[in-house]
Amino acid sequence: MRVKVNFYRGSTGVYVSSAALSVWTVKAEFGKSQIFKKTCKAMMATKPKLHYPNGRGRMESVRWVLAAAGVEFDEEFLETKEQLQKLQDGNHLLFQQVPMVEIDGMKLVQTRSILHYIADKHHLFGKDLKERTLIDMYVEGTLDLLELIIMHPFLKPDDQQKEVVNMAQKAIIRYFPVFEKVLRGHGQRFLVGNQLSLADIILLQTILALEEKIPNILSAFPHLQEFTVKISNIPTIKKFLEPGSKRKPPPDDIYVRTVYNIFMP
């Protein structure tokens, strides 16, 4: 395309006509926008990378949500204190701690923030403010219970059995009745909006982790039993629950020692 460039002389110099300038400006800006789009596309196409020890911990919920959304991800396992120090020294950890997830050109920390971002991006966080608030409320409650499970292997052996009793009591008295009532009340397959959400995923993760320690934990909750079966059979979640997936096994002594070696002073 030919562009006629007109020059005119003003009192302080020679100027290009505004019409010609606008054409070249548009072409230049178009080129920039194409580069920007390609850069964004490349970042979005990169698999998320998870930085954490090779075990469940607080990263396991992130793995669950990515898997439920059908998103493949890579992992870089922390095995030494030096690896953690390298991330800290490189300003990769906003608050000097993991979990950290590299995703869409960002380095996200803080478990709940990571979960919210992934859930929102993959339409697992409700359709409107009311649904998002309900999902957030259910997730916050469930994560309080899940935190007891996460910390359990780090207790002294004499305290671990006592804590199992404590977890069972809290689950049966405080948390599970809430979700049983919700499911019974609206008669739907999912907790919120009759579609899969972050709330369903975190609740299923927590139920299955508790059943590893207390197999009959749902005996008094028929709606939660039905919920567990149905959500477990969603194709992406079913795949994650199969052997060979990136779901981590229950923490063992090796995992506990690794965590102590990395994070203890």
Protein backbone atom coordinates (compact mmCIF):
# COMPACT_ATOMS: atom_id res chain seq x y z
CA MET A 1 0.00 0.00 0.00
CA ARG A 2 1.34 3.42 -0.98
CA VAL A 3 0.89 6.33 1.34
CA LYS A 4 1.36 9.87 0.14
CA VAL A 5 3.25 11.84 2.75
CA ASN A 6 2.76 15.57 2.64
CA PHE A 7 5.19 17.95 4.28
CA TYR A 8 4.60 21.55 5.19
CA ARG A 9 6.78 24.19 6.68
CA GLY A 10 5.75 25.90 9.87
CA SER A 11 7.33 28.68 11.83
CA THR A 12 9.43 26.26 13.89
CA GLY A 13 10.27 23.51 11.39
CA VAL A 14 9.00 20.93 8.90
CA TYR A 15 5.95 18.81 9.79
CA VAL A 16 4.33 15.67 8.38
CA SER A 17 0.67 16.02 7.51
CA SER A 18 -1.67 14.67 10.19
CA ALA A 19 -3.41 12.31 7.73
CA ALA A 20 -0.16 10.57 6.82
CA LEU A 21 0.92 10.45 10.44
CA SER A 22 -2.33 8.79 11.48
CA VAL A 23 -1.87 6.03 8.87
CA TRP A 24 1.63 5.21 10.09
CA THR A 25 0.52 5.43 13.72
CA VAL A 26 -2.27 2.93 13.10
CA LYS A 27 0.16 0.55 11.36
CA ALA A 28 2.66 0.85 14.18
CA GLU A 29 0.05 0.33 16.88
CA PHE A 30 -1.42 -2.62 14.96
CA GLY A 31 2.00 -4.23 14.87
CA LYS A 32 2.42 -3.72 18.60
CA SER A 33 -1.00 -5.20 19.31
CA GLN A 34 -0.18 -8.30 17.26
CA ILE A 35 3.07 -8.78 19.18
CA PHE A 36 1.18 -8.27 22.44
CA LYS A 37 -1.45 -10.83 21.45
CA LYS A 38 1.20 -13.39 20.46
CA THR A 39 3.05 -12.84 23.74
CA CYS A 40 -0.15 -13.28 25.75
CA LYS A 41 -1.07 -16.38 23.76
CA ALA A 42 2.34 -17.91 24.39
CA MET A 43 2.06 -17.23 28.14
CA MET A 44 -1.44 -18.70 28.28
CA ALA A 45 -0.30 -21.83 26.39
CA THR A 46 2.48 -22.58 28.87
CA LYS A 47 1.59 -25.21 31.45
CA PRO A 48 1.30 -23.96 35.03
CA LYS A 49 4.31 -24.93 37.12
CA LEU A 50 3.86 -25.80 40.78
CA HIS A 51 6.67 -25.23 43.29
CA TYR A 52 6.31 -27.33 46.44
CA PRO A 53 7.68 -30.47 48.10
CA ASN A 54 6.62 -33.80 46.60
CA GLY A 55 3.60 -34.32 48.82
CA ARG A 56 0.11 -33.10 49.53
CA GLY A 57 0.30 -30.21 51.95
CA ARG A 58 -1.37 -26.97 50.90
CA MET A 59 -0.55 -27.53 47.24
CA GLU A 60 -2.79 -30.56 46.92
CA SER A 61 -5.93 -28.42 46.65
CA VAL A 62 -4.31 -26.58 43.74
CA ARG A 63 -3.59 -29.90 42.02
CA TRP A 64 -7.22 -30.93 42.55
CA VAL A 65 -8.64 -27.77 40.99
CA LEU A 66 -6.29 -27.84 38.00
CA ALA A 67 -7.10 -31.51 37.42
CA ALA A 68 -10.85 -30.91 37.72
CA ALA A 69 -10.55 -28.12 35.14
CA GLY A 70 -8.69 -30.49 32.81
CA VAL A 71 -5.50 -28.42 32.95
CA GLU A 72 -2.15 -30.19 32.60
CA PHE A 73 0.59 -28.87 34.85
CA ASP A 74 4.26 -29.34 35.63
CA GLU A 75 5.85 -29.57 39.05
CA GLU A 76 9.23 -28.57 40.40
CA PHE A 77 9.65 -30.33 43.71
CA LEU A 78 11.47 -28.67 46.57
CA GLU A 79 13.84 -31.16 48.18
CA THR A 80 16.41 -28.96 49.91
CA LYS A 81 16.61 -25.77 51.91
CA GLU A 82 18.89 -24.38 49.17
CA GLN A 83 16.13 -24.66 46.57
CA LEU A 84 13.79 -22.66 48.75
CA GLN A 85 16.51 -20.10 49.43
CA LYS A 86 17.10 -19.71 45.70
CA LEU A 87 13.42 -18.90 45.12
CA GLN A 88 13.47 -16.44 48.01
CA ASP A 89 16.67 -14.74 46.85
CA GLY A 90 15.33 -14.46 43.32
CA ASN A 91 12.26 -12.54 44.50
CA HIS A 92 9.98 -15.30 43.23
CA LEU A 93 8.08 -15.62 46.51
CA LEU A 94 6.11 -12.53 47.45
CA PHE A 95 5.94 -13.48 51.13
CA GLN A 96 8.98 -15.76 51.13
CA GLN A 97 6.91 -18.95 51.27
CA VAL A 98 5.32 -21.65 49.12
CA PRO A 99 2.99 -22.83 47.59
CA MET A 100 3.94 -20.88 44.49
CA VAL A 101 2.41 -21.38 41.06
CA GLU A 102 3.77 -19.96 37.84
CA ILE A 103 0.76 -19.32 35.62
CA ASP A 104 -0.11 -16.89 32.83
CA GLY A 105 3.12 -14.97 33.30
CA MET A 106 2.59 -14.55 37.05
CA LYS A 107 4.10 -16.11 40.15
CA LEU A 108 1.13 -16.59 42.44
CA VAL A 109 1.41 -17.29 46.17
CA GLN A 110 -1.09 -17.69 49.01
CA THR A 111 -3.17 -20.85 48.56
CA ARG A 112 -6.60 -19.23 48.57
CA SER A 113 -5.57 -16.60 46.02
CA ILE A 114 -4.19 -19.32 43.75
CA LEU A 115 -7.39 -21.35 44.08
CA HIS A 116 -9.57 -18.31 43.35
CA TYR A 117 -7.61 -17.41 40.23
CA ILE A 118 -7.72 -20.91 38.76
CA ALA A 119 -11.38 -21.41 39.66
CA ASP A 120 -12.43 -18.07 38.20
CA LYS A 121 -10.43 -18.63 35.02
CA HIS A 122 -11.98 -22.05 34.43
CA HIS A 123 -15.58 -21.15 35.33
CA LEU A 124 -15.55 -22.92 38.68
CA PHE A 125 -16.36 -19.86 40.76
CA GLY A 126 -20.03 -19.16 40.14
CA LYS A 127 -22.02 -16.99 37.75
CA ASP A 128 -22.55 -13.91 39.92
CA LEU A 129 -21.54 -12.26 43.19
CA LYS A 130 -24.05 -14.23 45.27
CA GLU A 131 -22.81 -17.59 43.96
CA ARG A 132 -19.16 -16.59 44.37
CA THR A 133 -19.82 -15.57 47.96
CA LEU A 134 -21.52 -18.89 48.75
CA ILE A 135 -18.69 -20.82 47.11
CA ASP A 136 -16.10 -18.81 49.01
CA MET A 137 -17.92 -19.34 52.29
CA TYR A 138 -18.16 -23.10 51.78
CA VAL A 139 -14.51 -23.32 50.70
CA GLU A 140 -13.29 -21.33 53.70
CA GLY A 141 -15.15 -23.62 56.08
CA THR A 142 -13.90 -26.77 54.37
CA LEU A 143 -10.31 -25.53 54.32
CA ASP A 144 -10.46 -25.06 58.09
CA LEU A 145 -11.23 -28.77 58.39
CA LEU A 146 -8.67 -29.69 55.74
CA GLU A 147 -5.97 -27.80 57.63
CA LEU A 148 -6.34 -30.26 60.52
CA ILE A 149 -5.66 -33.10 58.10
CA ILE A 150 -2.67 -31.32 56.56
CA MET A 151 -1.03 -30.77 59.94
CA HIS A 152 -1.80 -34.23 61.33
CA PRO A 153 1.41 -36.04 60.17
CA PHE A 154 3.55 -33.39 61.86
CA LEU A 155 2.12 -34.06 65.32
CA LYS A 156 3.88 -36.19 67.89
CA PRO A 157 2.89 -39.88 67.58
CA ASP A 158 1.05 -39.79 70.93
CA ASP A 159 -1.06 -36.86 69.74
CA GLN A 160 -1.95 -38.19 66.31
CA GLN A 161 -4.70 -40.60 67.42
CA LYS A 162 -6.22 -37.94 69.67
CA GLU A 163 -6.28 -35.57 66.72
CA VAL A 164 -8.07 -38.15 64.54
CA VAL A 165 -10.84 -38.21 67.16
CA ASN A 166 -10.90 -34.41 67.18
CA MET A 167 -11.11 -34.27 63.37
CA ALA A 168 -13.95 -36.79 63.32
CA GLN A 169 -15.92 -34.86 65.93
CA LYS A 170 -15.51 -31.54 64.12
CA ALA A 171 -16.42 -33.07 60.77
CA ILE A 172 -19.51 -34.86 62.10
CA ILE A 173 -20.77 -32.11 64.42
CA ARG A 174 -19.72 -28.84 62.76
CA TYR A 175 -18.97 -29.21 59.05
CA PHE A 176 -20.74 -32.17 57.43
CA PRO A 177 -24.22 -31.28 58.75
CA VAL A 178 -23.94 -27.94 56.91
CA PHE A 179 -23.29 -29.54 53.54
CA GLU A 180 -25.80 -32.35 54.13
CA LYS A 181 -28.46 -29.69 54.75
CA VAL A 182 -27.46 -27.71 51.65
CA LEU A 183 -27.64 -30.75 49.39
CA ARG A 184 -30.89 -31.98 50.92
CA GLY A 185 -32.42 -28.50 50.71
CA HIS A 186 -31.98 -27.80 47.01
CA GLY A 187 -31.86 -31.41 45.80
CA GLN A 188 -29.18 -30.66 43.23
CA ARG A 189 -26.02 -32.48 42.29
CA PHE A 190 -23.65 -29.63 43.22
CA LEU A 191 -23.38 -27.30 46.19
CA VAL A 192 -23.90 -24.01 44.30
CA GLY A 193 -25.64 -23.07 41.06
CA ASN A 194 -26.19 -26.66 39.93
CA GLN A 195 -22.74 -26.76 38.33
CA LEU A 196 -19.30 -27.91 39.43
CA SER A 197 -17.46 -25.32 41.49
CA LEU A 198 -14.43 -24.89 43.70
CA ALA A 199 -16.65 -25.69 46.69
CA ASP A 200 -17.46 -29.18 45.38
CA ILE A 201 -13.84 -29.93 44.57
CA ILE A 202 -12.41 -28.92 47.94
CA LEU A 203 -15.20 -30.72 49.80
CA LEU A 204 -14.57 -33.94 47.89
CA GLN A 205 -10.82 -33.67 48.51
CA THR A 206 -11.46 -33.26 52.23
CA ILE A 207 -13.98 -36.11 52.44
CA LEU A 208 -11.64 -38.55 50.70
CA ALA A 209 -8.71 -37.51 52.89
CA LEU A 210 -10.82 -38.08 56.01
CA GLU A 211 -12.06 -41.45 54.75
CA GLU A 212 -8.43 -42.60 54.58
CA LYS A 213 -8.32 -42.22 58.37
CA ILE A 214 -11.98 -42.83 59.24
CA PRO A 215 -13.60 -45.02 56.56
CA ASN A 216 -17.16 -44.68 57.89
CA ILE A 217 -17.04 -40.91 58.42
CA LEU A 218 -20.08 -40.37 56.11
CA SER A 219 -22.27 -43.10 57.57
CA ALA A 220 -24.81 -40.60 58.95
CA PHE A 221 -24.83 -38.37 55.83
CA PRO A 222 -26.63 -40.02 52.88
CA HIS A 223 -26.64 -36.92 50.70
CA LEU A 224 -22.90 -36.47 51.14
CA GLN A 225 -22.40 -40.14 50.29
CA GLU A 226 -24.30 -39.63 47.04
CA PHE A 227 -22.40 -36.37 46.40
CA THR A 228 -19.06 -38.13 46.84
CA VAL A 229 -19.92 -40.83 44.31
CA LYS A 230 -21.25 -38.37 41.72
CA ILE A 231 -18.42 -35.85 41.92
CA SER A 232 -15.81 -38.62 41.93
CA ASN A 233 -17.21 -39.83 38.60
CA ILE A 234 -16.88 -36.53 36.74
CA PRO A 235 -14.42 -37.54 33.97
CA THR A 236 -11.59 -35.13 34.84
CA ILE A 237 -11.84 -35.92 38.55
CA LYS A 238 -12.17 -39.64 37.95
CA LYS A 239 -8.94 -39.48 35.93
CA PHE A 240 -7.19 -37.63 38.76
CA LEU A 241 -8.28 -40.33 41.23
CA GLU A 242 -6.83 -43.13 39.12
CA PRO A 243 -3.34 -44.57 39.75
CA GLY A 244 -0.56 -42.79 37.92
CA SER A 245 -2.07 -39.30 38.18
CA LYS A 246 -0.36 -36.35 39.86
CA ARG A 247 -2.49 -36.78 42.96
CA LYS A 248 -0.16 -37.31 45.89
CA PRO A 249 -0.40 -40.26 48.31
CA PRO A 250 -1.00 -39.79 52.04
CA PRO A 251 2.08 -38.23 53.67
CA ASP A 252 4.66 -40.68 54.97
CA ASP A 253 7.77 -40.34 57.14
CA ILE A 254 9.94 -39.44 54.14
CA TYR A 255 7.66 -36.52 53.24
CA VAL A 256 7.59 -35.31 56.84
CA ARG A 257 11.39 -35.39 57.10
CA THR A 258 11.74 -33.57 53.78
CA VAL A 259 9.42 -30.80 54.93
CA TYR A 260 11.31 -30.41 58.20
CA ASN A 261 14.65 -30.30 56.37
CA ILE A 262 13.41 -27.59 53.99
CA PHE A 263 11.49 -25.31 56.31
CA MET A 264 12.91 -25.71 59.79
CA PRO A 265 15.66 -23.23 60.81
